[in-house]
């Protein structure tokens, strides 16, 4: 997967298209990422010990990796990611400014 925890990404599809956020968690098996403050839905909760009244809670849901695009830390543009192998080590690189990420 080309996106990692802590990367700044831009949402390219869905209800939050155009918004930017930081990756909080990556789910590589399902191909999804969880973004801080983006793709928030309301969940209804029954009353329990924590919430004696019950009610609605806002919960972030993971987005598919295909719907987000990495933002290059140097040029600040949303870009595709390439790979470069140097001395048996694999690095990600920006396709626009050719810098290692």
Protein backbone atom coordinates (compact mmCIF):
# COMPACT_ATOMS: atom_id res chain seq x y z
CA UNK A 1 0.00 0.00 0.00
CA UNK A 2 1.40 3.40 -0.96
CA UNK A 3 -0.20 5.37 1.87
CA UNK A 4 1.08 5.13 5.44
CA UNK A 5 0.10 6.39 8.87
CA UNK A 6 0.89 10.10 9.30
CA UNK A 7 0.68 10.97 5.58
CA UNK A 8 -1.25 14.05 4.51
CA UNK A 9 -3.82 13.09 1.88
CA UNK A 10 -6.57 14.69 -0.20
CA UNK A 11 -9.97 13.03 -0.70
CA UNK A 12 -10.74 12.66 -4.43
CA UNK A 13 -14.23 11.10 -4.31
CA UNK A 14 -17.30 10.97 -2.12
CA UNK A 15 -19.08 13.43 0.14
CA UNK A 16 -15.81 14.90 1.48
CA UNK A 17 -14.19 15.43 -1.95
CA UNK A 18 -11.50 18.11 -1.90
CA UNK A 19 -10.86 17.99 1.85
CA UNK A 20 -7.43 17.25 3.25
CA UNK A 21 -6.57 15.20 6.32
CA UNK A 22 -3.94 13.13 8.10
CA UNK A 23 -4.02 9.32 8.08
CA UNK A 24 -4.69 7.96 11.58
CA UNK A 25 -4.81 4.25 10.82
CA UNK A 26 -4.23 1.98 7.83
CA UNK A 27 -6.11 -1.27 7.18
CA UNK A 28 -3.94 -3.04 4.56
CA UNK A 29 -6.03 -6.23 4.25
CA UNK A 30 -9.23 -4.37 3.37
CA UNK A 31 -7.41 -1.53 1.54
CA UNK A 32 -8.82 1.28 3.67
CA UNK A 33 -7.52 4.26 5.64
CA UNK A 34 -8.99 6.16 8.57
CA UNK A 35 -8.66 9.96 8.32
CA UNK A 36 -8.89 12.37 11.25
CA UNK A 37 -12.10 14.47 11.00
CA UNK A 38 -13.18 13.17 7.58
CA UNK A 39 -15.96 10.74 6.56
CA UNK A 40 -17.86 11.18 9.82
CA UNK A 41 -21.20 9.44 10.29
CA UNK A 42 -23.74 9.46 13.12
CA UNK A 43 -24.29 6.26 15.07
CA UNK A 44 -27.28 5.72 17.35
CA UNK A 45 -26.38 4.14 20.69
CA UNK A 46 -28.65 2.36 23.16
CA UNK A 47 -28.52 3.50 26.74
CA UNK A 48 -25.77 1.88 28.77
CA UNK A 49 -23.56 2.61 31.78
CA UNK A 50 -21.43 5.14 29.90
CA UNK A 51 -24.42 6.90 28.32
CA UNK A 52 -27.49 6.52 30.55
CA UNK A 53 -29.59 8.58 28.11
CA UNK A 54 -28.38 6.89 24.94
CA UNK A 55 -28.28 9.10 21.85
CA UNK A 56 -26.22 9.75 18.74
CA UNK A 57 -22.44 9.76 18.49
CA UNK A 58 -20.30 10.94 15.57
CA UNK A 59 -17.99 8.15 14.39
CA UNK A 60 -15.31 8.32 11.66
CA UNK A 61 -15.46 5.53 9.09
CA UNK A 62 -12.55 4.29 6.98
CA UNK A 63 -12.25 5.32 3.32
CA UNK A 64 -11.05 3.20 0.42
CA UNK A 65 -7.43 3.91 -0.54
CA UNK A 66 -8.51 4.53 -4.15
CA UNK A 67 -10.47 7.58 -2.98
CA UNK A 68 -7.48 9.40 -1.47
CA UNK A 69 -4.35 10.89 -3.01
CA UNK A 70 -1.05 11.61 -1.29
CA UNK A 71 0.05 15.24 -0.88
CA UNK A 72 3.78 15.78 -1.43
CA UNK A 73 5.45 17.42 1.59
CA UNK A 74 7.80 19.46 -0.64
CA UNK A 75 5.67 20.75 -3.52
CA UNK A 76 2.33 20.61 -1.65
CA UNK A 77 0.44 19.16 -4.61
CA UNK A 78 -1.61 15.98 -4.69
CA UNK A 79 0.46 13.47 -6.59
CA UNK A 80 0.81 9.87 -7.63
CA UNK A 81 3.52 7.90 -5.88
CA UNK A 82 6.35 6.00 -7.49
CA UNK A 83 9.00 3.72 -6.04
CA UNK A 84 12.79 3.82 -6.25
CA UNK A 85 15.17 1.11 -5.01
CA UNK A 86 18.51 2.33 -3.63
CA UNK A 87 20.93 -0.17 -2.03
CA UNK A 88 18.25 -2.84 -1.43
CA UNK A 89 15.93 -0.29 0.21
CA UNK A 90 12.64 0.80 -1.33
CA UNK A 91 11.66 4.50 -1.17
CA UNK A 92 8.49 6.29 -2.21
CA UNK A 93 8.91 9.31 -4.47
CA UNK A 94 6.72 12.12 -5.76
CA UNK A 95 6.03 11.80 -9.48
CA UNK A 96 5.85 15.59 -9.92
CA UNK A 97 8.97 16.90 -8.11
CA UNK A 98 10.93 13.58 -8.00
CA UNK A 99 11.81 13.90 -4.27
CA UNK A 100 11.92 10.94 -1.86
CA UNK A 101 8.99 10.94 0.56
